[in-house]
Protein backbone atom coordinates (compact mmCIF):
# COMPACT_ATOMS: atom_id res chain seq x y z
CA UNK A 1 0.00 0.00 0.00
CA UNK A 2 1.16 3.51 -0.74
CA UNK A 3 0.80 6.42 1.61
CA UNK A 4 -2.20 7.70 -0.41
CA UNK A 5 -3.99 4.37 0.07
CA UNK A 6 -3.28 4.46 3.81
CA UNK A 7 -4.76 7.95 4.07
CA UNK A 8 -7.93 6.81 2.30
CA UNK A 9 -8.40 3.95 4.79
CA UNK A 10 -8.27 6.22 7.84
CA UNK A 11 -11.58 7.26 9.39
CA UNK A 12 -12.37 10.98 9.44
CA UNK A 13 -10.83 12.85 12.33
CA UNK A 14 -12.32 15.65 14.39
CA UNK A 15 -10.51 18.97 14.12
CA UNK A 16 -8.58 20.21 17.15
CA UNK A 17 -10.70 23.35 17.51
CA UNK A 18 -14.10 21.63 17.73
CA UNK A 19 -14.17 21.49 21.54
CA UNK A 20 -13.25 25.18 22.09
CA UNK A 21 -15.89 26.22 19.53
CA UNK A 22 -18.58 24.15 21.29
CA UNK A 23 -17.58 25.65 24.66
CA UNK A 24 -17.70 29.17 23.20
CA UNK A 25 -21.12 28.56 21.63
CA UNK A 26 -22.54 27.35 24.94
CA UNK A 27 -20.90 30.31 26.69
CA UNK A 28 -22.47 32.79 24.26
CA UNK A 29 -25.85 31.14 24.73
CA UNK A 30 -25.56 31.40 28.52
CA UNK A 31 -24.28 34.97 28.17
CA UNK A 32 -27.35 35.93 26.17
CA UNK A 33 -29.72 34.24 28.64
CA UNK A 34 -27.96 35.68 31.68
CA UNK A 35 -27.12 39.23 30.65
CA UNK A 36 -29.07 40.32 27.55
CA UNK A 37 -32.48 38.66 27.40
CA UNK A 38 -35.55 40.41 28.75
CA UNK A 39 -37.61 37.21 28.91
CA UNK A 40 -39.38 37.08 32.29
CA UNK A 41 -39.22 33.27 32.43
CA UNK A 42 -35.40 33.33 32.22
CA UNK A 43 -35.04 35.58 35.27
CA UNK A 44 -35.33 32.47 37.42
CA UNK A 45 -32.09 31.09 35.86
CA UNK A 46 -30.25 34.39 35.52
CA UNK A 47 -27.51 33.79 38.11
CA UNK A 48 -26.75 30.31 36.79
CA UNK A 49 -26.46 31.60 33.22
CA UNK A 50 -24.23 34.50 34.25
CA UNK A 51 -21.82 32.23 36.13
CA UNK A 52 -21.92 29.58 33.38
CA UNK A 53 -21.17 32.16 30.70
CA UNK A 54 -18.07 33.37 32.54
CA UNK A 55 -16.84 29.83 33.17
CA UNK A 56 -17.55 28.51 29.66
CA UNK A 57 -16.13 31.51 27.80
CA UNK A 58 -13.01 31.50 29.98
CA UNK A 59 -12.57 27.76 29.49
CA UNK A 60 -13.02 28.16 25.72
CA UNK A 61 -10.38 30.91 25.57
CA UNK A 62 -7.89 28.86 27.58
CA UNK A 63 -8.53 25.72 25.55
CA UNK A 64 -8.25 27.64 22.26
CA UNK A 65 -4.90 29.08 23.37
CA UNK A 66 -3.59 25.66 24.43
CA UNK A 67 -4.75 24.05 21.20
CA UNK A 68 -3.16 26.78 19.12
CA UNK A 69 0.09 26.42 21.06
CA UNK A 70 0.10 22.63 20.57
CA UNK A 71 -0.61 23.01 16.85
CA UNK A 72 2.32 25.40 16.44
CA UNK A 73 4.58 23.02 18.38
CA UNK A 74 3.57 20.03 16.26
CA UNK A 75 4.10 21.97 13.01
CA UNK A 76 7.52 23.09 14.23
CA UNK A 77 8.57 19.51 15.05
CA UNK A 78 7.59 18.28 11.57
């Protein structure tokens, strides 16, 4: 088998930035529900959404930075 044939046999891989993007999307959703929305029904969950938005957006930023740093390191070693 050649290297092209080996690449065709591999299953699809998930990109390294998928997890930070999912965290950021959830963080933006919680940010909207906690800080921006004027929906009366969401007032009951306002504190949870505010705290969750801070945690999720912070986690996404840290994970994005670490992933970017690891990608640069792996490209440099190649």
